[in-house]
Amino acid sequence: MQTKTSKSALFPYVLWIALFVITPIALVVYYSLLDIHGNFTLDNYKAFFTSVYLKMTLSSFWYAFLITFFTLLISYPTAYFLTKTKHKQLWLLLIIIPSWINLLLKTYAFIGIFGLYGPLNAFIEVFGFNPKQMLFTDLSFVFVSVYIFIPFMILPIFNSLDRLNPALIYAARDLGASAFTTFRRVILPLTMDGVKSGIQVVFIPALSLFMITRLIAGNRVITLGTAIEQQFLVTQNWGMGSTIAVFLILFMVIIMLITGQKKDKGGRVR
């Protein structure tokens, strides 16, 4: 009786996965096997392994790596110091609140900030420098992307650090370990699950960015996300766009497997 009840309880979840996960992926795979005229072909997959798309793939991974690296570099110390503050939940909330704002609005706000007549150039002119076009550059794209992803990286790292048993840190210091050794041998290994979760929620979306890429970087940065957009909306080549999407899904699955969490090592406050 309990087995039947448990199976019936799983039915809505199985139906949801079938309709909104498996079916869309199946449709993407199906369209990837069609050319622009709707005929069956494997030319889309052959085209993906040409130099143009391989360079685009490497470029996407490079920018996703840069965004993830700088986001982690800022987020880990921030999350660590947040756990030491008196009102840490309040400070965490203040960091998370900007993520509630619509992404498009935040992107347009940065267009105004980095614009030729924006406040940043006005500040530079105070020191006698000529205004410069800061939009449509690699630096502006990475900067805006890092700003947007920081709250998503901080949250899992903060949770891991907050659950860390402080007795382990005290024990390491009592045994003569330096602050760096304590961090390297105790704190970092026990909070690695939070780091991996943060990498997942930053690297995977960064790999498929297209709106920020278009508005902030213009044509200076071409990624898999912008390539999919162009194939579907500009050239109307749904087959090639679906092929790029298939490989993007594969990359995401591989990244999730690499950064997958292992069993709890202990050292948590329960």
C-alpha atoms as a PDB file:
ATOM      1  CA  MET A   1       0.000   0.000   0.000  1.00  0.00           C
ATOM      2  CA  GLN A   2       2.799   2.375   0.907  1.00  0.00           C
ATOM      3  CA  THR A   3       4.605   1.523  -2.323  1.00  0.00           C
ATOM      4  CA  LYS A   4       1.552   2.438  -4.410  1.00  0.00           C
ATOM      5  CA  THR A   5       1.153   5.680  -2.469  1.00  0.00           C
ATOM      6  CA  SER A   6       4.795   6.633  -2.976  1.00  0.00           C
ATOM      7  CA  LYS A   7       4.559   5.873  -6.716  1.00  0.00           C
ATOM      8  CA  SER A   8       1.428   7.975  -7.099  1.00  0.00           C
ATOM      9  CA  ALA A   9       3.128  10.826  -5.242  1.00  0.00           C
ATOM     10  CA  LEU A  10       6.006  10.714  -7.731  1.00  0.00           C
ATOM     11  CA  PHE A  11       3.691  10.916 -10.749  1.00  0.00           C
ATOM     12  CA  PRO A  12       3.384  14.751 -10.857  1.00  0.00           C
ATOM     13  CA  TYR A  13       7.168  15.112 -10.704  1.00  0.00           C
ATOM     14  CA  VAL A  14       7.711  12.519 -13.433  1.00  0.00           C
ATOM     15  CA  LEU A  15       5.079  14.217 -15.592  1.00  0.00           C
ATOM     16  CA  TRP A  16       6.697  17.621 -15.025  1.00  0.00           C
ATOM     17  CA  ILE A  17      10.155  16.309 -15.988  1.00  0.00           C
ATOM     18  CA  ALA A  18       8.749  14.556 -19.056  1.00  0.00           C
ATOM     19  CA  LEU A  19       6.886  17.646 -20.303  1.00  0.00           C
ATOM     20  CA  PHE A  20       9.321  20.430 -19.425  1.00  0.00           C
ATOM     21  CA  VAL A  21      12.749  18.732 -19.469  1.00  0.00           C
ATOM     22  CA  ILE A  22      12.794  15.638 -21.652  1.00  0.00           C
ATOM     23  CA  THR A  23      10.387  16.889 -24.341  1.00  0.00           C
ATOM     24  CA  PRO A  24      12.185  20.232 -24.970  1.00  0.00           C
ATOM     25  CA  ILE A  25      15.559  18.474 -25.136  1.00  0.00           C
ATOM     26  CA  ALA A  26      14.110  15.910 -27.555  1.00  0.00           C
ATOM     27  CA  LEU A  27      12.758  18.722 -29.744  1.00  0.00           C
ATOM     28  CA  VAL A  28      16.139  20.464 -29.752  1.00  0.00           C
ATOM     29  CA  VAL A  29      17.862  17.214 -30.781  1.00  0.00           C
ATOM     30  CA  TYR A  30      15.216  16.660 -33.493  1.00  0.00           C
ATOM     31  CA  TYR A  31      15.630  20.137 -34.999  1.00  0.00           C
ATOM     32  CA  SER A  32      19.412  19.763 -34.895  1.00  0.00           C
ATOM     33  CA  LEU A  33      19.055  16.975 -37.449  1.00  0.00           C
ATOM     34  CA  LEU A  34      17.260  19.222 -39.960  1.00  0.00           C
ATOM     35  CA  ASP A  35      18.684  21.688 -42.432  1.00  0.00           C
ATOM     36  CA  ILE A  36      17.247  25.119 -43.195  1.00  0.00           C
ATOM     37  CA  HIS A  37      14.741  23.533 -45.601  1.00  0.00           C
ATOM     38  CA  GLY A  38      13.561  20.902 -43.093  1.00  0.00           C
ATOM     39  CA  ASN A  39      15.438  17.961 -44.625  1.00  0.00           C
ATOM     40  CA  PHE A  40      17.292  15.385 -42.524  1.00  0.00           C
ATOM     41  CA  THR A  41      21.034  16.048 -42.392  1.00  0.00           C
ATOM     42  CA  LEU A  42      24.149  15.707 -40.248  1.00  0.00           C
ATOM     43  CA  ASP A  43      25.807  18.758 -41.794  1.00  0.00           C
ATOM     44  CA  ASN A  44      24.966  20.873 -38.742  1.00  0.00           C
ATOM     45  CA  TYR A  45      27.133  18.655 -36.551  1.00  0.00           C
ATOM     46  CA  LYS A  46      29.922  18.713 -39.129  1.00  0.00           C
ATOM     47  CA  ALA A  47      29.705  22.513 -39.247  1.00  0.00           C
ATOM     48  CA  PHE A  48      30.020  22.747 -35.476  1.00  0.00           C
ATOM     49  CA  PHE A  49      33.486  21.184 -35.637  1.00  0.00           C
ATOM     50  CA  THR A  50      34.767  23.786 -38.077  1.00  0.00           C
ATOM     51  CA  SER A  51      37.217  26.434 -36.897  1.00  0.00           C
ATOM     52  CA  VAL A  52      34.530  29.140 -36.608  1.00  0.00           C
ATOM     53  CA  TYR A  53      32.404  27.323 -34.061  1.00  0.00           C
ATOM     54  CA  LEU A  54      35.340  25.757 -32.233  1.00  0.00           C
ATOM     55  CA  LYS A  55      36.843  29.224 -31.703  1.00  0.00           C
ATOM     56  CA  MET A  56      33.444  30.440 -30.521  1.00  0.00           C
ATOM     57  CA  THR A  57      33.232  27.542 -28.066  1.00  0.00           C
ATOM     58  CA  LEU A  58      36.708  28.245 -26.699  1.00  0.00           C
ATOM     59  CA  SER A  59      35.818  31.931 -26.413  1.00  0.00           C
ATOM     60  CA  SER A  60      32.649  31.073 -24.479  1.00  0.00           C
ATOM     61  CA  PHE A  61      34.585  28.864 -22.059  1.00  0.00           C
ATOM     62  CA  TRP A  62      37.269  31.523 -21.636  1.00  0.00           C
ATOM     63  CA  TYR A  63      34.808  34.272 -20.736  1.00  0.00           C
ATOM     64  CA  ALA A  64      32.810  31.910 -18.499  1.00  0.00           C
ATOM     65  CA  PHE A  65      36.065  31.001 -16.732  1.00  0.00           C
ATOM     66  CA  LEU A  66      37.030  34.666 -16.259  1.00  0.00           C
ATOM     67  CA  ILE A  67      33.576  35.562 -14.926  1.00  0.00           C
ATOM     68  CA  THR A  68      33.560  32.582 -12.552  1.00  0.00           C
ATOM     69  CA  PHE A  69      37.123  33.202 -11.378  1.00  0.00           C
ATOM     70  CA  PHE A  70      36.633  36.881 -10.526  1.00  0.00           C
ATOM     71  CA  THR A  71      33.223  36.181  -8.995  1.00  0.00           C
ATOM     72  CA  LEU A  72      34.748  33.510  -6.747  1.00  0.00           C
ATOM     73  CA  LEU A  73      37.711  35.758  -5.926  1.00  0.00           C
ATOM     74  CA  ILE A  74      35.331  38.442  -4.629  1.00  0.00           C
ATOM     75  CA  SER A  75      32.626  36.210  -3.178  1.00  0.00           C
ATOM     76  CA  TYR A  76      34.656  33.865  -0.964  1.00  0.00           C
ATOM     77  CA  PRO A  77      36.308  36.580   1.192  1.00  0.00           C
ATOM     78  CA  THR A  78      33.001  38.465   1.292  1.00  0.00           C
ATOM     79  CA  ALA A  79      31.116  35.383   2.466  1.00  0.00           C
ATOM     80  CA  TYR A  80      33.833  34.665   5.052  1.00  0.00           C
ATOM     81  CA  PHE A  81      33.700  38.131   6.556  1.00  0.00           C
ATOM     82  CA  LEU A  82      29.897  38.063   6.496  1.00  0.00           C
ATOM     83  CA  THR A  83      29.934  35.041   8.803  1.00  0.00           C
ATOM     84  CA  LYS A  84      32.011  37.064  11.286  1.00  0.00           C
ATOM     85  CA  THR A  85      29.694  40.072  11.409  1.00  0.00           C
ATOM     86  CA  LYS A  86      27.101  40.627  14.096  1.00  0.00           C
ATOM     87  CA  HIS A  87      24.074  40.966  11.805  1.00  0.00           C
ATOM     88  CA  LYS A  88      25.218  38.546   9.117  1.00  0.00           C
ATOM     89  CA  GLN A  89      21.719  37.639   7.906  1.00  0.00           C
ATOM     90  CA  LEU A  90      20.894  41.310   7.363  1.00  0.00           C
ATOM     91  CA  TRP A  91      24.101  41.934   5.420  1.00  0.00           C
ATOM     92  CA  LEU A  92      23.457  38.818   3.353  1.00  0.00           C
ATOM     93  CA  LEU A  93      19.969  40.081   2.560  1.00  0.00           C
ATOM     94  CA  LEU A  94      21.362  43.446   1.422  1.00  0.00           C
ATOM     95  CA  ILE A  95      23.709  41.623  -0.964  1.00  0.00           C
ATOM     96  CA  ILE A  96      20.937  39.402  -2.331  1.00  0.00           C
ATOM     97  CA  ILE A  97      18.358  42.199  -2.834  1.00  0.00           C
ATOM     98  CA  PRO A  98      19.961  43.512  -6.090  1.00  0.00           C
ATOM     99  CA  SER A  99      19.388  40.084  -7.647  1.00  0.00           C
ATOM    100  CA  TRP A 100      15.620  40.704  -7.299  1.00  0.00           C
ATOM    101  CA  ILE A 101      15.860  43.575  -9.797  1.00  0.00           C
ATOM    102  CA  ASN A 102      15.140  42.674 -13.414  1.00  0.00           C
ATOM    103  CA  LEU A 103      18.305  41.726 -15.276  1.00  0.00           C
ATOM    104  CA  LEU A 104      17.457  43.934 -18.247  1.00  0.00           C
ATOM    105  CA  LEU A 105      17.033  46.985 -15.984  1.00  0.00           C
ATOM    106  CA  LYS A 106      20.407  46.387 -14.354  1.00  0.00           C
ATOM    107  CA  THR A 107      22.051  45.975 -17.741  1.00  0.00           C
ATOM    108  CA  TYR A 108      20.609  49.265 -19.003  1.00  0.00           C
ATOM    109  CA  ALA A 109      21.738  50.943 -15.785  1.00  0.00           C
ATOM    110  CA  PHE A 110      25.312  49.910 -16.585  1.00  0.00           C
ATOM    111  CA  ILE A 111      24.891  51.189 -20.134  1.00  0.00           C
ATOM    112  CA  GLY A 112      24.176  54.592 -18.609  1.00  0.00           C
ATOM    113  CA  ILE A 113      27.080  54.315 -16.157  1.00  0.00           C
ATOM    114  CA  PHE A 114      29.655  53.255 -18.758  1.00  0.00           C
ATOM    115  CA  GLY A 115      28.293  55.488 -21.527  1.00  0.00           C
ATOM    116  CA  LEU A 116      30.298  58.275 -23.075  1.00  0.00           C
ATOM    117  CA  TYR A 117      28.307  60.880 -21.114  1.00  0.00           C
ATOM    118  CA  GLY A 118      27.755  58.720 -18.066  1.00  0.00           C
ATOM    119  CA  PRO A 119      28.806  59.430 -14.460  1.00  0.00           C
ATOM    120  CA  LEU A 120      31.994  57.369 -14.763  1.00  0.00           C
ATOM    121  CA  ASN A 121      33.302  59.496 -17.607  1.00  0.00           C
ATOM    122  CA  ALA A 122      32.165  62.625 -15.775  1.00  0.00           C
ATOM    123  CA  PHE A 123      34.274  61.514 -12.795  1.00  0.00           C
ATOM    124  CA  ILE A 124      37.286  60.912 -15.049  1.00  0.00           C
ATOM    125  CA  GLU A 125      36.945  64.381 -16.582  1.00  0.00           C
ATOM    126  CA  VAL A 126      37.368  65.918 -13.123  1.00  0.00           C
ATOM    127  CA  PHE A 127      40.992  64.730 -13.197  1.00  0.00           C
ATOM    128  CA  GLY A 128      41.581  66.213 -16.655  1.00  0.00           C
ATOM    129  CA  PHE A 129      41.207  63.032 -18.726  1.00  0.00           C
ATOM    130  CA  ASN A 130      39.195  62.893 -21.926  1.00  0.00           C
ATOM    131  CA  PRO A 131      36.022  60.781 -21.837  1.00  0.00           C
ATOM    132  CA  LYS A 132      36.387  57.266 -23.217  1.00  0.00           C
ATOM    133  CA  GLN A 133      33.891  54.778 -24.586  1.00  0.00           C
ATOM    134  CA  MET A 134      33.869  52.056 -21.959  1.00  0.00           C
ATOM    135  CA  LEU A 135      30.984  50.105 -23.435  1.00  0.00           C
ATOM    136  CA  PHE A 136      31.478  47.386 -26.059  1.00  0.00           C
ATOM    137  CA  THR A 137      34.688  46.129 -24.488  1.00  0.00           C
ATOM    138  CA  ASP A 138      35.727  42.823 -22.959  1.00  0.00           C
ATOM    139  CA  LEU A 139      36.373  44.535 -19.630  1.00  0.00           C
ATOM    140  CA  SER A 140      32.903  46.050 -19.347  1.00  0.00           C
ATOM    141  CA  PHE A 141      31.289  42.718 -20.258  1.00  0.00           C
ATOM    142  CA  VAL A 142      33.233  40.787 -17.618  1.00  0.00           C
ATOM    143  CA  PHE A 143      32.688  43.522 -15.005  1.00  0.00           C
ATOM    144  CA  VAL A 144      28.911  43.628 -15.451  1.00  0.00           C
ATOM    145  CA  SER A 145      28.653  39.834 -15.537  1.00  0.00           C
ATOM    146  CA  VAL A 146      30.681  39.479 -12.332  1.00  0.00           C
ATOM    147  CA  TYR A 147      28.510  42.075 -10.584  1.00  0.00           C
ATOM    148  CA  ILE A 148      25.333  40.244 -11.585  1.00  0.00           C
ATOM    149  CA  PHE A 149      26.582  36.799 -10.534  1.00  0.00           C
ATOM    150  CA  ILE A 150      28.178  37.750  -7.197  1.00  0.00           C
ATOM    151  CA  PRO A 151      25.036  37.165  -5.039  1.00  0.00           C
ATOM    152  CA  PHE A 152      24.579  33.694  -6.558  1.00  0.00           C
ATOM    153  CA  MET A 153      28.159  32.762  -5.679  1.00  0.00           C
ATOM    154  CA  ILE A 154      28.095  34.253  -2.186  1.00  0.00           C
ATOM    155  CA  LEU A 155      24.965  32.426  -1.003  1.00  0.00           C
ATOM    156  CA  PRO A 156      26.179  28.772  -1.204  1.00  0.00           C
ATOM    157  CA  ILE A 157      29.651  29.696   0.073  1.00  0.00           C
ATOM    158  CA  PHE A 158      28.127  31.623   2.977  1.00  0.00           C
ATOM    159  CA  ASN A 159      25.960  28.634   3.905  1.00  0.00           C
ATOM    160  CA  SER A 160      28.979  26.313   3.896  1.00  0.00           C
ATOM    161  CA  LEU A 161      31.077  28.686   5.989  1.00  0.00           C
ATOM    162  CA  ASP A 162      28.240  29.380   8.406  1.00  0.00           C
ATOM    163  CA  ARG A 163      27.775  25.650   9.078  1.00  0.00           C
ATOM    164  CA  LEU A 164      31.473  25.048   9.605  1.00  0.00           C
ATOM    165  CA  ASN A 165      32.302  23.834  13.100  1.00  0.00           C
ATOM    166  CA  PRO A 166      34.558  26.537  14.653  1.00  0.00           C
ATOM    167  CA  ALA A 167      36.064  23.955  17.022  1.00  0.00           C
ATOM    168  CA  LEU A 168      38.025  22.536  14.087  1.00  0.00           C
ATOM    169  CA  ILE A 169      39.586  25.926  13.375  1.00  0.00           C
ATOM    170  CA  TYR A 170      40.498  26.399  17.047  1.00  0.00           C
ATOM    171  CA  ALA A 171      42.006  22.906  17.123  1.00  0.00           C
ATOM    172  CA  ALA A 172      44.136  23.625  14.057  1.00  0.00           C
ATOM    173  CA  ARG A 173      45.427  26.868  15.560  1.00  0.00           C
ATOM    174  CA  ASP A 174      46.163  25.140  18.885  1.00  0.00           C
ATOM    175  CA  LEU A 175      48.230  22.565  17.008  1.00  0.00           C
ATOM    176  CA  GLY A 176      50.400  25.343  15.589  1.00  0.00           C
ATOM    177  CA  ALA A 177      48.877  25.753  12.136  1.00  0.00           C
ATOM    178  CA  SER A 178      49.211  29.212  10.612  1.00  0.00           C
ATOM    179  CA  ALA A 179      46.186  31.132   9.372  1.00  0.00           C
ATOM    180  CA  PHE A 180      46.994  30.185   5.766  1.00  0.00           C
ATOM    181  CA  THR A 181      47.523  26.509   6.632  1.00  0.00           C
ATOM    182  CA  THR A 182      44.256  26.456   8.575  1.00  0.00           C
ATOM    183  CA  PHE A 183      42.453  27.900   5.590  1.00  0.00           C
ATOM    184  CA  ARG A 184      44.121  25.523   3.125  1.00  0.00           C
ATOM    185  CA  ARG A 185      43.818  22.330   5.161  1.00  0.00           C
ATOM    186  CA  VAL A 186      40.619  22.897   7.174  1.00  0.00           C
ATOM    187  CA  ILE A 187      38.347  25.727   5.995  1.00  0.00           C
ATOM    188  CA  LEU A 188      38.622  25.342   2.206  1.00  0.00           C
ATOM    189  CA  PRO A 189      38.188  21.525   2.051  1.00  0.00           C
ATOM    190  CA  LEU A 190      35.142  21.641   4.356  1.00  0.00           C
ATOM    191  CA  THR A 191      33.507  24.439   2.358  1.00  0.00           C
ATOM    192  CA  MET A 192      34.335  23.014  -1.067  1.00  0.00           C
ATOM    193  CA  ASP A 193      30.727  21.893  -1.588  1.00  0.00           C
ATOM    194  CA  GLY A 194      29.622  25.515  -1.360  1.00  0.00           C
ATOM    195  CA  VAL A 195      32.359  26.558  -3.791  1.00  0.00           C
ATOM    196  CA  LYS A 196      31.293  23.854  -6.269  1.00  0.00           C
ATOM    197  CA  SER A 197      27.653  24.912  -6.010  1.00  0.00           C
ATOM    198  CA  GLY A 198      28.673  28.521  -6.611  1.00  0.00           C
ATOM    199  CA  ILE A 199      30.734  27.527  -9.643  1.00  0.00           C
ATOM    200  CA  GLN A 200      27.737  25.648 -11.042  1.00  0.00           C
ATOM    201  CA  VAL A 201      25.309  28.548 -10.695  1.00  0.00           C
ATOM    202  CA  VAL A 202      27.815  30.995 -12.220  1.00  0.00           C
ATOM    203  CA  PHE A 203      29.785  29.086 -14.858  1.00  0.00           C
ATOM    204  CA  ILE A 204      26.804  27.400 -16.519  1.00  0.00           C
ATOM    205  CA  PRO A 205      24.742  30.607 -17.053  1.00  0.00           C
ATOM    206  CA  ALA A 206      27.901  32.531 -18.001  1.00  0.00           C
ATOM    207  CA  LEU A 207      28.532  29.977 -20.728  1.00  0.00           C
ATOM    208  CA  SER A 208      25.228  30.816 -22.415  1.00  0.00           C
ATOM    209  CA  LEU A 209      24.939  34.581 -21.875  1.00  0.00           C
ATOM    210  CA  PHE A 210      23.481  36.497 -24.784  1.00  0.00           C
ATOM    211  CA  MET A 211      21.525  39.550 -23.558  1.00  0.00           C
ATOM    212  CA  ILE A 212      24.373  41.049 -21.515  1.00  0.00           C
ATOM    213  CA  THR A 213      26.763  40.125 -24.305  1.00  0.00           C
ATOM    214  CA  ARG A 214      24.709  42.003 -26.885  1.00  0.00           C
ATOM    215  CA  LEU A 215      23.973  45.104 -24.812  1.00  0.00           C
ATOM    216  CA  ILE A 216      27.293  45.562 -23.010  1.00  0.00           C
ATOM    217  CA  ALA A 217      29.870  43.994 -25.335  1.00  0.00           C
ATOM    218  CA  GLY A 218      28.168  44.533 -28.682  1.00  0.00           C
ATOM    219  CA  ASN A 219      29.946  42.492 -31.334  1.00  0.00           C
ATOM    220  CA  ARG A 220      33.239  42.399 -29.426  1.00  0.00           C
ATOM    221  CA  VAL A 221      32.283  39.207 -27.597  1.00  0.00           C
ATOM    222  CA  ILE A 222      30.669  36.283 -29.424  1.00  0.00           C
ATOM    223  CA  THR A 223      29.582  33.324 -27.310  1.00  0.00           C
ATOM    224  CA  LEU A 224      27.488  30.209 -27.787  1.00  0.00           C
ATOM    225  CA  GLY A 225      24.482  32.072 -26.411  1.00  0.00           C
ATOM    226  CA  THR A 226      24.734  34.859 -28.965  1.00  0.00           C
ATOM    227  CA  ALA A 227      25.331  32.298 -31.722  1.00  0.00           C
ATOM    228  CA  ILE A 228      22.106  30.483 -30.818  1.00  0.00           C
ATOM    229  CA  GLU A 229      20.233  33.793 -30.796  1.00  0.00           C
ATOM    230  CA  GLN A 230      21.619  34.726 -34.200  1.00  0.00           C
ATOM    231  CA  GLN A 231      20.820  31.357 -35.757  1.00  0.00           C
ATOM    232  CA  PHE A 232      17.225  31.387 -34.522  1.00  0.00           C
ATOM    233  CA  LEU A 233      16.321  35.066 -34.909  1.00  0.00           C
ATOM    234  CA  VAL A 234      18.545  36.401 -37.681  1.00  0.00           C
ATOM    235  CA  THR A 235      19.447  33.640 -40.132  1.00  0.00           C
ATOM    236  CA  GLN A 236      16.370  31.542 -39.251  1.00  0.00           C
ATOM    237  CA  ASN A 237      18.542  28.420 -39.294  1.00  0.00           C
ATOM    238  CA  TRP A 238      16.845  26.483 -36.514  1.00  0.00           C
ATOM    239  CA  GLY A 239      18.866  23.365 -37.287  1.00  0.00           C
ATOM    240  CA  MET A 240      22.241  25.004 -36.628  1.00  0.00           C
ATOM    241  CA  GLY A 241      20.893  26.877 -33.614  1.00  0.00           C
ATOM    242  CA  SER A 242      19.584  23.608 -32.173  1.00  0.00           C
ATOM    243  CA  THR A 243      22.920  21.904 -32.837  1.00  0.00           C
ATOM    244  CA  ILE A 244      24.767  24.563 -30.850  1.00  0.00           C
ATOM    245  CA  ALA A 245      22.148  24.180 -28.103  1.00  0.00           C
ATOM    246  CA  VAL A 246      22.724  20.385 -28.028  1.00  0.00           C
ATOM    247  CA  PHE A 247      26.437  20.864 -27.434  1.00  0.00           C
ATOM    248  CA  LEU A 248      25.718  23.563 -24.880  1.00  0.00           C
ATOM    249  CA  ILE A 249      23.502  21.124 -22.965  1.00  0.00           C
ATOM    250  CA  LEU A 250      26.258  18.500 -23.119  1.00  0.00           C
ATOM    251  CA  PHE A 251      28.803  20.994 -21.779  1.00  0.00           C
ATOM    252  CA  MET A 252      26.461  21.897 -18.930  1.00  0.00           C
ATOM    253  CA  VAL A 253      25.940  18.232 -17.996  1.00  0.00           C
ATOM    254  CA  ILE A 254      29.701  17.642 -18.004  1.00  0.00           C
ATOM    255  CA  ILE A 255      30.277  20.678 -15.789  1.00  0.00           C
ATOM    256  CA  MET A 256      27.596  19.494 -13.359  1.00  0.00           C
ATOM    257  CA  LEU A 257      29.234  16.053 -13.192  1.00  0.00           C
ATOM    258  CA  ILE A 258      32.687  17.549 -12.595  1.00  0.00           C
ATOM    259  CA  THR A 259      31.470  19.929  -9.880  1.00  0.00           C
ATOM    260  CA  GLY A 260      29.052  17.429  -8.347  1.00  0.00           C
ATOM    261  CA  GLN A 261      29.019  17.284  -4.563  1.00  0.00           C
ATOM    262  CA  LYS A 262      30.301  14.265  -2.683  1.00  0.00           C
ATOM    263  CA  LYS A 263      29.094  12.917   0.635  1.00  0.00           C
ATOM    264  CA  ASP A 264      29.445  15.123   3.706  1.00  0.00           C
ATOM    265  CA  LYS A 265      32.967  14.949   5.088  1.00  0.00           C
ATOM    266  CA  GLY A 266      31.896  16.012   8.530  1.00  0.00           C
ATOM    267  CA  GLY A 267      32.922  19.110  10.404  1.00  0.00           C
ATOM    268  CA  ARG A 268      29.468  20.659  10.249  1.00  0.00           C
ATOM    269  CA  VAL A 269      27.527  22.180  13.082  1.00  0.00           C
ATOM    270  CA  ARG A 270      24.385  20.086  13.381  1.00  0.00           C
END
